Amino acid sequence: MMIAASVWSLIIPSVEMAEESYNIVWIPAAVGLVLGVLFLILVNKLAERCEKKENGKKLNMLTFSVTLHNIPEGWR
């Protein structure tokens, strides 16, 4: 479901908007996708580091998951 939402709500509109400005229309979408993947890798590394700590393990994971879920909603 989230993949479909990403494609129809983010990637396709990005390509359509780029048609007006760029010669190669897939570049903005590709850059955004790569930056998103790098961001998720970074957050995963941070979550693994916090998960190794015994104190507040569940609270840290809950905080990371809620924050990660809400980041895209705040940037629109």
PDB file of N, CA and C in Angstrom:
ATOM      1  N   MET A   1       0.827  -1.186   0.000  1.00  0.00           N
ATOM      2  CA  MET A   1       0.000   0.000   0.000  1.00  0.00           C
ATOM      3  C   MET A   1       0.874   1.253   0.000  1.00  0.00           C
ATOM      4  N   MET A   2       1.919   1.257   0.818  1.00  0.00           N
ATOM      5  CA  MET A   2       2.778   2.436   0.889  1.00  0.00           C
ATOM      6  C   MET A   2       3.581   2.636  -0.405  1.00  0.00           C
ATOM      7  N   ILE A   3       3.932   1.543  -1.069  1.00  0.00           N
ATOM      8  CA  ILE A   3       4.644   1.673  -2.340  1.00  0.00           C
ATOM      9  C   ILE A   3       3.731   2.323  -3.378  1.00  0.00           C
ATOM     10  N   ALA A   4       2.489   1.895  -3.412  1.00  0.00           N
ATOM     11  CA  ALA A   4       1.534   2.490  -4.350  1.00  0.00           C
ATOM     12  C   ALA A   4       1.313   3.968  -4.031  1.00  0.00           C
ATOM     13  N   ALA A   5       1.192   4.289  -2.757  1.00  0.00           N
ATOM     14  CA  ALA A   5       1.017   5.691  -2.369  1.00  0.00           C
ATOM     15  C   ALA A   5       2.239   6.512  -2.748  1.00  0.00           C
ATOM     16  N   SER A   6       3.410   5.945  -2.603  1.00  0.00           N
ATOM     17  CA  SER A   6       4.634   6.660  -2.976  1.00  0.00           C
ATOM     18  C   SER A   6       4.685   6.922  -4.472  1.00  0.00           C
ATOM     19  N   VAL A   7       4.319   5.926  -5.249  1.00  0.00           N
ATOM     20  CA  VAL A   7       4.382   6.083  -6.702  1.00  0.00           C
ATOM     21  C   VAL A   7       3.351   7.101  -7.179  1.00  0.00           C
ATOM     22  N   TRP A   8       2.098   6.932  -6.782  1.00  0.00           N
ATOM     23  CA  TRP A   8       1.044   7.796  -7.309  1.00  0.00           C
ATOM     24  C   TRP A   8       1.029   9.184  -6.678  1.00  0.00           C
ATOM     25  N   SER A   9       1.446   9.304  -5.437  1.00  0.00           N
ATOM     26  CA  SER A   9       1.368  10.602  -4.766  1.00  0.00           C
ATOM     27  C   SER A   9       2.670  11.382  -4.790  1.00  0.00           C
ATOM     28  N   LEU A  10       3.802  10.721  -5.019  1.00  0.00           N
ATOM     29  CA  LEU A  10       5.078  11.415  -4.957  1.00  0.00           C
ATOM     30  C   LEU A  10       5.880  11.341  -6.254  1.00  0.00           C
ATOM     31  N   ILE A  11       6.094  10.149  -6.763  1.00  0.00           N
ATOM     32  CA  ILE A  11       6.992   9.985  -7.905  1.00  0.00           C
ATOM     33  C   ILE A  11       6.362  10.504  -9.196  1.00  0.00           C
ATOM     34  N   ILE A  12       5.147  10.104  -9.488  1.00  0.00           N
ATOM     35  CA  ILE A  12       4.499  10.550 -10.725  1.00  0.00           C
ATOM     36  C   ILE A  12       4.296  12.077 -10.731  1.00  0.00           C
ATOM     37  N   PRO A  13       3.808  12.692  -9.633  1.00  0.00           N
ATOM     38  CA  PRO A  13       3.728  14.158  -9.648  1.00  0.00           C
ATOM     39  C   PRO A  13       5.095  14.837  -9.784  1.00  0.00           C
ATOM     40  N   SER A  14       6.126  14.238  -9.224  1.00  0.00           N
ATOM     41  CA  SER A  14       7.469  14.793  -9.363  1.00  0.00           C
ATOM     42  C   SER A  14       7.914  14.791 -10.822  1.00  0.00           C
ATOM     43  N   VAL A  15       7.652  13.698 -11.514  1.00  0.00           N
ATOM     44  CA  VAL A  15       8.015  13.618 -12.929  1.00  0.00           C
ATOM     45  C   VAL A  15       7.190  14.617 -13.749  1.00  0.00           C
ATOM     46  N   GLU A  16       5.913  14.754 -13.429  1.00  0.00           N
ATOM     47  CA  GLU A  16       5.062  15.697 -14.159  1.00  0.00           C
ATOM     48  C   GLU A  16       5.504  17.144 -13.942  1.00  0.00           C
ATOM     49  N   MET A  17       5.896  17.475 -12.703  1.00  0.00           N
ATOM     50  CA  MET A  17       6.376  18.826 -12.423  1.00  0.00           C
ATOM     51  C   MET A  17       7.717  19.090 -13.107  1.00  0.00           C
ATOM     52  N   ALA A  18       8.541  18.064 -13.205  1.00  0.00           N
ATOM     53  CA  ALA A  18       9.857  18.225 -13.831  1.00  0.00           C
ATOM     54  C   ALA A  18       9.752  18.402 -15.340  1.00  0.00           C
ATOM     55  N   GLU A  19       8.652  17.969 -15.945  1.00  0.00           N
ATOM     56  CA  GLU A  19       8.476  18.137 -17.391  1.00  0.00           C
ATOM     57  C   GLU A  19       8.505  19.606 -17.788  1.00  0.00           C
ATOM     58  N   GLU A  20       8.104  20.469 -16.869  1.00  0.00           N
ATOM     59  CA  GLU A  20       8.067  21.900 -17.162  1.00  0.00           C
ATOM     60  C   GLU A  20       9.448  22.553 -17.032  1.00  0.00           C
ATOM     61  N   SER A  21      10.336  21.953 -16.226  1.00  0.00           N
ATOM     62  CA  SER A  21      11.584  22.627 -15.900  1.00  0.00           C
ATOM     63  C   SER A  21      12.846  21.957 -16.429  1.00  0.00           C
ATOM     64  N   TYR A  22      12.842  20.654 -16.551  1.00  0.00           N
ATOM     65  CA  TYR A  22      14.072  19.922 -16.862  1.00  0.00           C
ATOM     66  C   TYR A  22      13.968  19.188 -18.199  1.00  0.00           C
ATOM     67  N   ASN A  23      15.118  18.940 -18.809  1.00  0.00           N
ATOM     68  CA  ASN A  23      15.145  18.140 -20.024  1.00  0.00           C
ATOM     69  C   ASN A  23      14.995  16.659 -19.712  1.00  0.00           C
ATOM     70  N   ILE A  24      15.664  16.221 -18.664  1.00  0.00           N
ATOM     71  CA  ILE A  24      15.575  14.811 -18.245  1.00  0.00           C
ATOM     72  C   ILE A  24      14.638  14.772 -17.041  1.00  0.00           C
ATOM     73  N   VAL A  25      13.423  14.317 -17.253  1.00  0.00           N
ATOM     74  CA  VAL A  25      12.367  14.476 -16.251  1.00  0.00           C
ATOM     75  C   VAL A  25      12.499  13.536 -15.058  1.00  0.00           C
ATOM     76  N   TRP A  26      13.248  12.470 -15.181  1.00  0.00           N
ATOM     77  CA  TRP A  26      13.320  11.508 -14.081  1.00  0.00           C
ATOM     78  C   TRP A  26      14.394  11.857 -13.056  1.00  0.00           C
ATOM     79  N   ILE A  27      15.228  12.857 -13.320  1.00  0.00           N
ATOM     80  CA  ILE A  27      16.323  13.194 -12.396  1.00  0.00           C
ATOM     81  C   ILE A  27      15.820  13.652 -11.024  1.00  0.00           C
ATOM     82  N   PRO A  28      14.872  14.596 -10.912  1.00  0.00           N
ATOM     83  CA  PRO A  28      14.425  14.993  -9.568  1.00  0.00           C
ATOM     84  C   PRO A  28      13.832  13.828  -8.765  1.00  0.00           C
ATOM     85  N   ALA A  29      13.064  12.971  -9.417  1.00  0.00           N
ATOM     86  CA  ALA A  29      12.489  11.821  -8.714  1.00  0.00           C
ATOM     87  C   ALA A  29      13.580  10.846  -8.282  1.00  0.00           C
ATOM     88  N   ALA A  30      14.567  10.619  -9.134  1.00  0.00           N
ATOM     89  CA  ALA A  30      15.655   9.703  -8.800  1.00  0.00           C
ATOM     90  C   ALA A  30      16.501  10.246  -7.654  1.00  0.00           C
ATOM     91  N   VAL A  31      16.780  11.536  -7.681  1.00  0.00           N
ATOM     92  CA  VAL A  31      17.557  12.140  -6.596  1.00  0.00           C
ATOM     93  C   VAL A  31      16.791  12.048  -5.280  1.00  0.00           C
ATOM     94  N   GLY A  32      15.513  12.341  -5.321  1.00  0.00           N
ATOM     95  CA  GLY A  32      14.691  12.226  -4.115  1.00  0.00           C
ATOM     96  C   GLY A  32      14.632  10.809  -3.582  1.00  0.00           C
ATOM     97  N   LEU A  33      14.539   9.838  -4.479  1.00  0.00           N
ATOM     98  CA  LEU A  33      14.504   8.442  -4.073  1.00  0.00           C
ATOM     99  C   LEU A  33      15.824   8.029  -3.421  1.00  0.00           C
ATOM    100  N   VAL A  34      16.938   8.423  -4.028  1.00  0.00           N
ATOM    101  CA  VAL A  34      18.250   8.079  -3.469  1.00  0.00           C
ATOM    102  C   VAL A  34      18.454   8.750  -2.112  1.00  0.00           C
ATOM    103  N   LEU A  35      18.087  10.019  -1.994  1.00  0.00           N
ATOM    104  CA  LEU A  35      18.208  10.703  -0.710  1.00  0.00           C
ATOM    105  C   LEU A  35      17.320  10.052   0.354  1.00  0.00           C
ATOM    106  N   GLY A  36      16.135   9.614  -0.036  1.00  0.00           N
ATOM    107  CA  GLY A  36      15.258   8.923   0.901  1.00  0.00           C
ATOM    108  C   GLY A  36      15.842   7.611   1.381  1.00  0.00           C
ATOM    109  N   VAL A  37      16.441   6.863   0.472  1.00  0.00           N
ATOM    110  CA  VAL A  37      17.069   5.591   0.850  1.00  0.00           C
ATOM    111  C   VAL A  37      18.235   5.847   1.794  1.00  0.00           C
ATOM    112  N   LEU A  38      19.058   6.838   1.490  1.00  0.00           N
ATOM    113  CA  LEU A  38      20.187   7.164   2.372  1.00  0.00           C
ATOM    114  C   LEU A  38      19.708   7.602   3.755  1.00  0.00           C
ATOM    115  N   PHE A  39      18.631   8.372   3.784  1.00  0.00           N
ATOM    116  CA  PHE A  39      18.069   8.796   5.063  1.00  0.00           C
ATOM    117  C   PHE A  39      17.567   7.601   5.870  1.00  0.00           C
ATOM    118  N   LEU A  40      16.903   6.660   5.216  1.00  0.00           N
ATOM    119  CA  LEU A  40      16.413   5.476   5.920  1.00  0.00           C
ATOM    120  C   LEU A  40      17.565   4.616   6.441  1.00  0.00           C
ATOM    121  N   ILE A  41      18.646   4.516   5.684  1.00  0.00           N
ATOM    122  CA  ILE A  41      19.815   3.769   6.153  1.00  0.00           C
ATOM    123  C   ILE A  41      20.390   4.440   7.400  1.00  0.00           C
ATOM    124  N   LEU A  42      20.490   5.771   7.377  1.00  0.00           N
ATOM    125  CA  LEU A  42      21.003   6.500   8.535  1.00  0.00           C
ATOM    126  C   LEU A  42      20.116   6.294   9.765  1.00  0.00           C
ATOM    127  N   VAL A  43      18.810   6.405   9.584  1.00  0.00           N
ATOM    128  CA  VAL A  43      17.891   6.222  10.703  1.00  0.00           C
ATOM    129  C   VAL A  43      17.964   4.785  11.224  1.00  0.00           C
ATOM    130  N   ASN A  44      18.127   3.815  10.334  1.00  0.00           N
ATOM    131  CA  ASN A  44      18.249   2.432  10.753  1.00  0.00           C
ATOM    132  C   ASN A  44      19.505   2.232  11.607  1.00  0.00           C
ATOM    133  N   LYS A  45      20.613   2.846  11.209  1.00  0.00           N
ATOM    134  CA  LYS A  45      21.854   2.752  11.986  1.00  0.00           C
ATOM    135  C   LYS A  45      21.670   3.379  13.362  1.00  0.00           C
ATOM    136  N   LEU A  46      21.010   4.534  13.410  1.00  0.00           N
ATOM    137  CA  LEU A  46      20.751   5.173  14.699  1.00  0.00           C
ATOM    138  C   LEU A  46      19.848   4.320  15.583  1.00  0.00           C
ATOM    139  N   ALA A  47      18.840   3.711  14.985  1.00  0.00           N
ATOM    140  CA  ALA A  47      17.928   2.854  15.743  1.00  0.00           C
ATOM    141  C   ALA A  47      18.654   1.629  16.277  1.00  0.00           C
ATOM    142  N   GLU A  48      19.543   1.048  15.476  1.00  0.00           N
ATOM    143  CA  GLU A  48      20.307  -0.106  15.950  1.00  0.00           C
ATOM    144  C   GLU A  48      21.211   0.284  17.106  1.00  0.00           C
ATOM    145  N   ARG A  49      21.796   1.469  17.037  1.00  0.00           N
ATOM    146  CA  ARG A  49      22.670   1.924  18.117  1.00  0.00           C
ATOM    147  C   ARG A  49      21.878   2.118  19.407  1.00  0.00           C
ATOM    148  N   CYS A  50      20.687   2.717  19.298  1.00  0.00           N
ATOM    149  CA  CYS A  50      19.853   2.924  20.488  1.00  0.00           C
ATOM    150  C   CYS A  50      19.280   1.615  20.994  1.00  0.00           C
ATOM    151  N   GLU A  51      19.062   0.673  20.101  1.00  0.00           N
ATOM    152  CA  GLU A  51      18.498  -0.618  20.497  1.00  0.00           C
ATOM    153  C   GLU A  51      19.489  -1.417  21.340  1.00  0.00           C
ATOM    154  N   LYS A  52      20.773  -1.205  21.132  1.00  0.00           N
ATOM    155  CA  LYS A  52      21.781  -1.921  21.904  1.00  0.00           C
ATOM    156  C   LYS A  52      21.815  -1.474  23.355  1.00  0.00           C
ATOM    157  N   LYS A  53      21.390  -0.246  23.616  1.00  0.00           N
ATOM    158  CA  LYS A  53      21.344   0.250  24.991  1.00  0.00           C
ATOM    159  C   LYS A  53      20.179  -0.413  25.713  1.00  0.00           C
ATOM    160  N   GLU A  54      20.410  -0.815  26.920  1.00  0.00           N
ATOM    161  CA  GLU A  54      19.372  -1.513  27.682  1.00  0.00           C
ATOM    162  C   GLU A  54      18.305  -0.561  28.226  1.00  0.00           C
ATOM    163  N   ASN A  55      18.694   0.636  28.599  1.00  0.00           N
ATOM    164  CA  ASN A  55      17.753   1.577  29.209  1.00  0.00           C
ATOM    165  C   ASN A  55      16.853   2.207  28.154  1.00  0.00           C
ATOM    166  N   GLY A  56      15.563   2.069  28.330  1.00  0.00           N
ATOM    167  CA  GLY A  56      14.613   2.723  27.440  1.00  0.00           C
ATOM    168  C   GLY A  56      14.566   2.158  26.031  1.00  0.00           C
ATOM    169  N   LYS A  57      14.836   0.888  25.869  1.00  0.00           N
ATOM    170  CA  LYS A  57      14.892   0.273  24.538  1.00  0.00           C
ATOM    171  C   LYS A  57      13.567   0.416  23.789  1.00  0.00           C
ATOM    172  N   LYS A  58      12.469   0.074  24.441  1.00  0.00           N
ATOM    173  CA  LYS A  58      11.163   0.148  23.779  1.00  0.00           C
ATOM    174  C   LYS A  58      10.754   1.590  23.513  1.00  0.00           C
ATOM    175  N   LEU A  59      11.064   2.470  24.457  1.00  0.00           N
ATOM    176  CA  LEU A  59      10.715   3.874  24.281  1.00  0.00           C
ATOM    177  C   LEU A  59      11.485   4.478  23.111  1.00  0.00           C
ATOM    178  N   ASN A  60      12.769   4.149  22.981  1.00  0.00           N
ATOM    179  CA  ASN A  60      13.567   4.666  21.865  1.00  0.00           C
ATOM    180  C   ASN A  60      13.023   4.180  20.532  1.00  0.00           C
ATOM    181  N   MET A  61      12.679   2.917  20.425  1.00  0.00           N
ATOM    182  CA  MET A  61      12.160   2.383  19.170  1.00  0.00           C
ATOM    183  C   MET A  61      10.804   3.005  18.831  1.00  0.00           C
ATOM    184  N   LEU A  62       9.972   3.206  19.835  1.00  0.00           N
ATOM    185  CA  LEU A  62       8.682   3.855  19.605  1.00  0.00           C
ATOM    186  C   LEU A  62       8.884   5.288  19.121  1.00  0.00           C
ATOM    187  N   THR A  63       9.807   5.999  19.742  1.00  0.00           N
ATOM    188  CA  THR A  63      10.095   7.377  19.339  1.00  0.00           C
ATOM    189  C   THR A  63      10.608   7.435  17.911  1.00  0.00           C
ATOM    190  N   PHE A  64      11.547   6.541  17.567  1.00  0.00           N
ATOM    191  CA  PHE A  64      12.067   6.516  16.201  1.00  0.00           C
ATOM    192  C   PHE A  64      10.963   6.211  15.191  1.00  0.00           C
ATOM    193  N   SER A  65      10.117   5.241  15.493  1.00  0.00           N
ATOM    194  CA  SER A  65       9.101   4.861  14.512  1.00  0.00           C
ATOM    195  C   SER A  65       8.071   5.967  14.307  1.00  0.00           C
ATOM    196  N   VAL A  66       7.641   6.614  15.361  1.00  0.00           N
ATOM    197  CA  VAL A  66       6.663   7.694  15.226  1.00  0.00           C
ATOM    198  C   VAL A  66       7.280   8.887  14.498  1.00  0.00           C
ATOM    199  N   THR A  67       8.521   9.218  14.839  1.00  0.00           N
ATOM    200  CA  THR A  67       9.198  10.333  14.178  1.00  0.00           C
ATOM    201  C   THR A  67       9.386  10.053  12.697  1.00  0.00           C
ATOM    202  N   LEU A  68       9.850   8.861  12.374  1.00  0.00           N
ATOM    203  CA  LEU A  68      10.073   8.504  10.979  1.00  0.00           C
ATOM    204  C   LEU A  68       8.767   8.526  10.190  1.00  0.00           C
ATOM    205  N   HIS A  69       7.684   8.109  10.808  1.00  0.00           N
ATOM    206  CA  HIS A  69       6.392   8.112  10.130  1.00  0.00           C
ATOM    207  C   HIS A  69       5.895   9.534   9.874  1.00  0.00           C
ATOM    208  N   ASN A  70       6.172  10.447  10.791  1.00  0.00           N
ATOM    209  CA  ASN A  70       5.621  11.801  10.690  1.00  0.00           C
ATOM    210  C   ASN A  70       6.480  12.772   9.892  1.00  0.00           C
ATOM    211  N   ILE A  71       7.723  12.450   9.627  1.00  0.00           N
ATOM    212  CA  ILE A  71       8.605  13.374   8.905  1.00  0.00           C
ATOM    213  C   ILE A  71       8.040  13.755   7.537  1.00  0.00           C
ATOM    214  N   PRO A  72       7.638  12.817   6.687  1.00  0.00           N
ATOM    215  CA  PRO A  72       7.134  13.221   5.363  1.00  0.00           C
ATOM    216  C   PRO A  72       5.849  14.055   5.443  1.00  0.00           C
ATOM    217  N   GLU A  73       5.034  13.818   6.453  1.00  0.00           N
ATOM    218  CA  GLU A  73       3.792  14.574   6.565  1.00  0.00           C
ATOM    219  C   GLU A  73       4.039  16.028   6.915  1.00  0.00           C
ATOM    220  N   GLY A  74       5.136  16.295   7.618  1.00  0.00           N
ATOM    221  CA  GLY A  74       5.442  17.669   8.013  1.00  0.00           C
ATOM    222  C   GLY A  74       6.127  18.474   6.940  1.00  0.00           C
ATOM    223  N   TRP A  75       6.625  17.824   5.908  1.00  0.00           N
ATOM    224  CA  TRP A  75       7.386  18.513   4.862  1.00  0.00           C
ATOM    225  C   TRP A  75       6.538  18.845   3.644  1.00  0.00           C
ATOM    226  N   ARG A  76       5.277  18.724   3.724  1.00  0.00           N
ATOM    227  CA  ARG A  76       4.437  18.964   2.569  1.00  0.00           C
ATOM    228  C   ARG A  76       3.889  20.344   2.576  1.00  0.00           C
TER     229      ARG A  76
END
